[in-house]
Amino acid sequence: MAKALYGYVGGPSPEHAHEAAVLRRRIGDLENEVLRLKAENDGLLARLAETAHDGDLAELLESAAR
């Protein structure tokens, strides 16, 4: 019965369904990019902390400039 009512009211058109699938895929891609950037940032922060711990200011500044 619910399917019949949903169809009667007018469910998503094929274009809307396709657009929703494309948007879901794009969201997944963006979530993966955020995770990748967070991991890269964590690595850079660790390298920066290690360099700062060693006390080599010139290397620290050079790393920050990259």
PDB file of N, CA and C in Angstrom:
ATOM      1  N   MET A   1       0.828  -1.185   0.000  1.00  0.00           N
ATOM      2  CA  MET A   1       0.000   0.000   0.000  1.00  0.00           C
ATOM      3  C   MET A   1       0.880   1.260   0.000  1.00  0.00           C
ATOM      4  N   ALA A   2       1.934   1.251   0.835  1.00  0.00           N
ATOM      5  CA  ALA A   2       2.800   2.433   0.905  1.00  0.00           C
ATOM      6  C   ALA A   2       3.470   2.698  -0.438  1.00  0.00           C
ATOM      7  N   LYS A   3       3.881   1.634  -1.122  1.00  0.00           N
ATOM      8  CA  LYS A   3       4.499   1.825  -2.436  1.00  0.00           C
ATOM      9  C   LYS A   3       3.512   2.434  -3.397  1.00  0.00           C
ATOM     10  N   ALA A   4       2.280   1.988  -3.342  1.00  0.00           N
ATOM     11  CA  ALA A   4       1.261   2.522  -4.234  1.00  0.00           C
ATOM     12  C   ALA A   4       1.026   3.999  -3.948  1.00  0.00           C
ATOM     13  N   LEU A   5       0.951   4.367  -2.673  1.00  0.00           N
ATOM     14  CA  LEU A   5       0.753   5.767  -2.319  1.00  0.00           C
ATOM     15  C   LEU A   5       1.961   6.605  -2.720  1.00  0.00           C
ATOM     16  N   TYR A   6       3.124   6.065  -2.494  1.00  0.00           N
ATOM     17  CA  TYR A   6       4.345   6.791  -2.834  1.00  0.00           C
ATOM     18  C   TYR A   6       4.396   7.032  -4.339  1.00  0.00           C
ATOM     19  N   GLY A   7       4.078   6.016  -5.099  1.00  0.00           N
ATOM     20  CA  GLY A   7       4.054   6.165  -6.549  1.00  0.00           C
ATOM     21  C   GLY A   7       2.979   7.133  -6.994  1.00  0.00           C
ATOM     22  N   TYR A   8       1.867   7.117  -6.294  1.00  0.00           N
ATOM     23  CA  TYR A   8       0.764   8.004  -6.643  1.00  0.00           C
ATOM     24  C   TYR A   8       1.137   9.463  -6.372  1.00  0.00           C
ATOM     25  N   VAL A   9       1.775   9.701  -5.226  1.00  0.00           N
ATOM     26  CA  VAL A   9       2.170  11.049  -4.865  1.00  0.00           C
ATOM     27  C   VAL A   9       3.260  11.548  -5.810  1.00  0.00           C
ATOM     28  N   GLY A  10       4.025  10.637  -6.304  1.00  0.00           N
ATOM     29  CA  GLY A  10       5.080  11.018  -7.242  1.00  0.00           C
ATOM     30  C   GLY A  10       6.442  10.892  -6.600  1.00  0.00           C
ATOM     31  N   GLY A  11       6.969   9.708  -6.656  1.00  0.00           N
ATOM     32  CA  GLY A  11       8.291   9.450  -6.096  1.00  0.00           C
ATOM     33  C   GLY A  11       9.351  10.171  -6.895  1.00  0.00           C
ATOM     34  N   PRO A  12      10.584   9.939  -6.535  1.00  0.00           N
ATOM     35  CA  PRO A  12      11.667  10.634  -7.236  1.00  0.00           C
ATOM     36  C   PRO A  12      11.723  10.215  -8.702  1.00  0.00           C
ATOM     37  N   SER A  13      11.953  11.192  -9.535  1.00  0.00           N
ATOM     38  CA  SER A  13      12.099  10.899 -10.957  1.00  0.00           C
ATOM     39  C   SER A  13      13.458  10.236 -11.177  1.00  0.00           C
ATOM     40  N   PRO A  14      13.641   9.592 -12.302  1.00  0.00           N
ATOM     41  CA  PRO A  14      14.959   8.991 -12.591  1.00  0.00           C
ATOM     42  C   PRO A  14      16.088  10.027 -12.543  1.00  0.00           C
ATOM     43  N   GLU A  15      15.792  11.247 -12.954  1.00  0.00           N
ATOM     44  CA  GLU A  15      16.818  12.294 -12.922  1.00  0.00           C
ATOM     45  C   GLU A  15      17.193  12.628 -11.480  1.00  0.00           C
ATOM     46  N   HIS A  16      16.181  12.712 -10.607  1.00  0.00           N
ATOM     47  CA  HIS A  16      16.463  13.005  -9.202  1.00  0.00           C
ATOM     48  C   HIS A  16      17.228  11.858  -8.542  1.00  0.00           C
ATOM     49  N   ALA A  17      16.848  10.642  -8.870  1.00  0.00           N
ATOM     50  CA  ALA A  17      17.539   9.487  -8.303  1.00  0.00           C
ATOM     51  C   ALA A  17      19.011   9.475  -8.742  1.00  0.00           C
ATOM     52  N   HIS A  18      19.236   9.796 -10.015  1.00  0.00           N
ATOM     53  CA  HIS A  18      20.610   9.831 -10.525  1.00  0.00           C
ATOM     54  C   HIS A  18      21.396  10.956  -9.852  1.00  0.00           C
ATOM     55  N   GLU A  19      20.779  12.130  -9.721  1.00  0.00           N
ATOM     56  CA  GLU A  19      21.447  13.249  -9.075  1.00  0.00           C
ATOM     57  C   GLU A  19      21.775  12.924  -7.616  1.00  0.00           C
ATOM     58  N   ALA A  20      20.862  12.252  -6.923  1.00  0.00           N
ATOM     59  CA  ALA A  20      21.105  11.867  -5.528  1.00  0.00           C
ATOM     60  C   ALA A  20      22.282  10.896  -5.445  1.00  0.00           C
ATOM     61  N   ALA A  21      22.364   9.959  -6.382  1.00  0.00           N
ATOM     62  CA  ALA A  21      23.470   9.002  -6.390  1.00  0.00           C
ATOM     63  C   ALA A  21      24.802   9.714  -6.651  1.00  0.00           C
ATOM     64  N   VAL A  22      24.785  10.658  -7.572  1.00  0.00           N
ATOM     65  CA  VAL A  22      26.000  11.425  -7.879  1.00  0.00           C
ATOM     66  C   VAL A  22      26.432  12.230  -6.659  1.00  0.00           C
ATOM     67  N   LEU A  23      25.459  12.849  -5.986  1.00  0.00           N
ATOM     68  CA  LEU A  23      25.789  13.644  -4.799  1.00  0.00           C
ATOM     69  C   LEU A  23      26.310  12.765  -3.666  1.00  0.00           C
ATOM     70  N   ARG A  24      25.721  11.573  -3.490  1.00  0.00           N
ATOM     71  CA  ARG A  24      26.208  10.649  -2.452  1.00  0.00           C
ATOM     72  C   ARG A  24      27.648  10.251  -2.734  1.00  0.00           C
ATOM     73  N   ARG A  25      27.948   9.977  -4.001  1.00  0.00           N
ATOM     74  CA  ARG A  25      29.307   9.607  -4.399  1.00  0.00           C
ATOM     75  C   ARG A  25      30.267  10.771  -4.132  1.00  0.00           C
ATOM     76  N   ARG A  26      29.839  11.991  -4.458  1.00  0.00           N
ATOM     77  CA  ARG A  26      30.679  13.170  -4.255  1.00  0.00           C
ATOM     78  C   ARG A  26      30.937  13.399  -2.762  1.00  0.00           C
ATOM     79  N   ILE A  27      29.918  13.196  -1.949  1.00  0.00           N
ATOM     80  CA  ILE A  27      30.086  13.324  -0.504  1.00  0.00           C
ATOM     81  C   ILE A  27      31.109  12.316  -0.004  1.00  0.00           C
ATOM     82  N   GLY A  28      31.028  11.088  -0.493  1.00  0.00           N
ATOM     83  CA  GLY A  28      32.007  10.068  -0.109  1.00  0.00           C
ATOM     84  C   GLY A  28      33.419  10.465  -0.512  1.00  0.00           C
ATOM     85  N   ASP A  29      33.543  11.006  -1.728  1.00  0.00           N
ATOM     86  CA  ASP A  29      34.861  11.461  -2.195  1.00  0.00           C
ATOM     87  C   ASP A  29      35.406  12.576  -1.301  1.00  0.00           C
ATOM     88  N   LEU A  30      34.535  13.509  -0.937  1.00  0.00           N
ATOM     89  CA  LEU A  30      34.963  14.619  -0.093  1.00  0.00           C
ATOM     90  C   LEU A  30      35.321  14.147   1.318  1.00  0.00           C
ATOM     91  N   GLU A  31      34.575  13.196   1.849  1.00  0.00           N
ATOM     92  CA  GLU A  31      34.900  12.643   3.160  1.00  0.00           C
ATOM     93  C   GLU A  31      36.258  11.957   3.133  1.00  0.00           C
ATOM     94  N   ASN A  32      36.536  11.221   2.052  1.00  0.00           N
ATOM     95  CA  ASN A  32      37.851  10.582   1.920  1.00  0.00           C
ATOM     96  C   ASN A  32      38.961  11.618   1.809  1.00  0.00           C
ATOM     97  N   GLU A  33      38.694  12.705   1.098  1.00  0.00           N
ATOM     98  CA  GLU A  33      39.690  13.771   0.967  1.00  0.00           C
ATOM     99  C   GLU A  33      39.965  14.417   2.316  1.00  0.00           C
ATOM    100  N   VAL A  34      38.930  14.630   3.113  1.00  0.00           N
ATOM    101  CA  VAL A  34      39.114  15.198   4.455  1.00  0.00           C
ATOM    102  C   VAL A  34      39.985  14.269   5.298  1.00  0.00           C
ATOM    103  N   LEU A  35      39.712  12.969   5.236  1.00  0.00           N
ATOM    104  CA  LEU A  35      40.521  12.012   6.005  1.00  0.00           C
ATOM    105  C   LEU A  35      41.979  12.032   5.548  1.00  0.00           C
ATOM    106  N   ARG A  36      42.194  12.101   4.232  1.00  0.00           N
ATOM    107  CA  ARG A  36      43.548  12.140   3.695  1.00  0.00           C
ATOM    108  C   ARG A  36      44.273  13.406   4.158  1.00  0.00           C
ATOM    109  N   LEU A  37      43.577  14.535   4.099  1.00  0.00           N
ATOM    110  CA  LEU A  37      44.195  15.794   4.520  1.00  0.00           C
ATOM    111  C   LEU A  37      44.476  15.816   6.011  1.00  0.00           C
ATOM    112  N   LYS A  38      43.591  15.229   6.810  1.00  0.00           N
ATOM    113  CA  LYS A  38      43.833  15.157   8.254  1.00  0.00           C
ATOM    114  C   LYS A  38      45.077  14.317   8.538  1.00  0.00           C
ATOM    115  N   ALA A  39      45.208  13.197   7.839  1.00  0.00           N
ATOM    116  CA  ALA A  39      46.380  12.339   8.031  1.00  0.00           C
ATOM    117  C   ALA A  39      47.648  13.068   7.604  1.00  0.00           C
ATOM    118  N   GLU A  40      47.585  13.769   6.484  1.00  0.00           N
ATOM    119  CA  GLU A  40      48.747  14.526   6.016  1.00  0.00           C
ATOM    120  C   GLU A  40      49.095  15.631   7.016  1.00  0.00           C
ATOM    121  N   ASN A  41      48.082  16.311   7.523  1.00  0.00           N
ATOM    122  CA  ASN A  41      48.299  17.370   8.503  1.00  0.00           C
ATOM    123  C   ASN A  41      48.922  16.810   9.780  1.00  0.00           C
ATOM    124  N   ASP A  42      48.430  15.660  10.241  1.00  0.00           N
ATOM    125  CA  ASP A  42      48.994  15.034  11.442  1.00  0.00           C
ATOM    126  C   ASP A  42      50.468  14.709  11.237  1.00  0.00           C
ATOM    127  N   GLY A  43      50.804  14.213  10.040  1.00  0.00           N
ATOM    128  CA  GLY A  43      52.200  13.912   9.737  1.00  0.00           C
ATOM    129  C   GLY A  43      53.062  15.156   9.735  1.00  0.00           C
ATOM    130  N   LEU A  44      52.533  16.232   9.156  1.00  0.00           N
ATOM    131  CA  LEU A  44      53.286  17.486   9.131  1.00  0.00           C
ATOM    132  C   LEU A  44      53.466  18.052  10.536  1.00  0.00           C
ATOM    133  N   LEU A  45      52.412  17.967  11.342  1.00  0.00           N
ATOM    134  CA  LEU A  45      52.529  18.451  12.720  1.00  0.00           C
ATOM    135  C   LEU A  45      53.534  17.629  13.518  1.00  0.00           C
ATOM    136  N   ALA A  46      53.548  16.328  13.293  1.00  0.00           N
ATOM    137  CA  ALA A  46      54.504  15.470  13.991  1.00  0.00           C
ATOM    138  C   ALA A  46      55.932  15.825  13.575  1.00  0.00           C
ATOM    139  N   ARG A  47      56.114  16.041  12.266  1.00  0.00           N
ATOM    140  CA  ARG A  47      57.451  16.413  11.774  1.00  0.00           C
ATOM    141  C   ARG A  47      57.866  17.776  12.319  1.00  0.00           C
ATOM    142  N   LEU A  48      56.922  18.688  12.385  1.00  0.00           N
ATOM    143  CA  LEU A  48      57.201  20.017  12.921  1.00  0.00           C
ATOM    144  C   LEU A  48      57.562  19.937  14.399  1.00  0.00           C
ATOM    145  N   ALA A  49      56.819  19.142  15.153  1.00  0.00           N
ATOM    146  CA  ALA A  49      57.101  18.984  16.584  1.00  0.00           C
ATOM    147  C   ALA A  49      58.464  18.341  16.794  1.00  0.00           C
ATOM    148  N   GLU A  50      58.783  17.355  15.951  1.00  0.00           N
ATOM    149  CA  GLU A  50      60.081  16.680  16.056  1.00  0.00           C
ATOM    150  C   GLU A  50      61.206  17.664  15.765  1.00  0.00           C
ATOM    151  N   THR A  51      61.017  18.473  14.735  1.00  0.00           N
ATOM    152  CA  THR A  51      62.030  19.458  14.368  1.00  0.00           C
ATOM    153  C   THR A  51      62.173  20.504  15.463  1.00  0.00           C
ATOM    154  N   ALA A  52      61.052  20.948  16.017  1.00  0.00           N
ATOM    155  CA  ALA A  52      61.091  21.952  17.078  1.00  0.00           C
ATOM    156  C   ALA A  52      61.753  21.366  18.324  1.00  0.00           C
ATOM    157  N   HIS A  53      61.524  20.089  18.560  1.00  0.00           N
ATOM    158  CA  HIS A  53      62.123  19.424  19.720  1.00  0.00           C
ATOM    159  C   HIS A  53      63.644  19.374  19.573  1.00  0.00           C
ATOM    160  N   ASP A  54      64.103  19.156  18.355  1.00  0.00           N
ATOM    161  CA  ASP A  54      65.539  19.098  18.101  1.00  0.00           C
ATOM    162  C   ASP A  54      66.186  20.479  18.245  1.00  0.00           C
ATOM    163  N   GLY A  55      65.385  21.519  18.179  1.00  0.00           N
ATOM    164  CA  GLY A  55      65.904  22.861  18.383  1.00  0.00           C
ATOM    165  C   GLY A  55      66.534  23.484  17.149  1.00  0.00           C
ATOM    166  N   ASP A  56      66.381  22.898  15.993  1.00  0.00           N
ATOM    167  CA  ASP A  56      66.957  23.452  14.772  1.00  0.00           C
ATOM    168  C   ASP A  56      65.962  24.435  14.162  1.00  0.00           C
ATOM    169  N   LEU A  57      66.086  25.691  14.530  1.00  0.00           N
ATOM    170  CA  LEU A  57      65.141  26.713  14.105  1.00  0.00           C
ATOM    171  C   LEU A  57      65.179  26.920  12.595  1.00  0.00           C
ATOM    172  N   ALA A  58      66.343  26.881  11.988  1.00  0.00           N
ATOM    173  CA  ALA A  58      66.446  27.093  10.539  1.00  0.00           C
ATOM    174  C   ALA A  58      65.670  26.005   9.793  1.00  0.00           C
ATOM    175  N   GLU A  59      65.818  24.770  10.225  1.00  0.00           N
ATOM    176  CA  GLU A  59      65.099  23.679   9.577  1.00  0.00           C
ATOM    177  C   GLU A  59      63.601  23.806   9.828  1.00  0.00           C
ATOM    178  N   LEU A  60      63.228  24.241  11.000  1.00  0.00           N
ATOM    179  CA  LEU A  60      61.835  24.461  11.350  1.00  0.00           C
ATOM    180  C   LEU A  60      61.206  25.490  10.427  1.00  0.00           C
ATOM    181  N   LEU A  61      61.900  26.607  10.229  1.00  0.00           N
ATOM    182  CA  LEU A  61      61.382  27.650   9.357  1.00  0.00           C
ATOM    183  C   LEU A  61      61.327  27.182   7.910  1.00  0.00           C
ATOM    184  N   GLU A  62      62.305  26.431   7.488  1.00  0.00           N
ATOM    185  CA  GLU A  62      62.326  25.915   6.131  1.00  0.00           C
ATOM    186  C   GLU A  62      61.157  24.945   5.909  1.00  0.00           C
ATOM    187  N   SER A  63      60.887  24.094   6.882  1.00  0.00           N
ATOM    188  CA  SER A  63      59.772  23.162   6.782  1.00  0.00           C
ATOM    189  C   SER A  63      58.453  23.909   6.741  1.00  0.00           C
ATOM    190  N   ALA A  64      58.326  24.947   7.525  1.00  0.00           N
ATOM    191  CA  ALA A  64      57.086  25.720   7.565  1.00  0.00           C
ATOM    192  C   ALA A  64      56.861  26.454   6.250  1.00  0.00           C
ATOM    193  N   ALA A  65      57.946  26.847   5.580  1.00  0.00           N
ATOM    194  CA  ALA A  65      57.831  27.570   4.323  1.00  0.00           C
ATOM    195  C   ALA A  65      57.370  26.673   3.176  1.00  0.00           C
ATOM    196  N   ARG A  66      57.602  25.378   3.293  1.00  0.00           N
ATOM    197  CA  ARG A  66      57.189  24.443   2.226  1.00  0.00           C
ATOM    198  C   ARG A  66      55.760  24.239   2.319  1.00  0.00           C
TER     199      ARG A  66
END
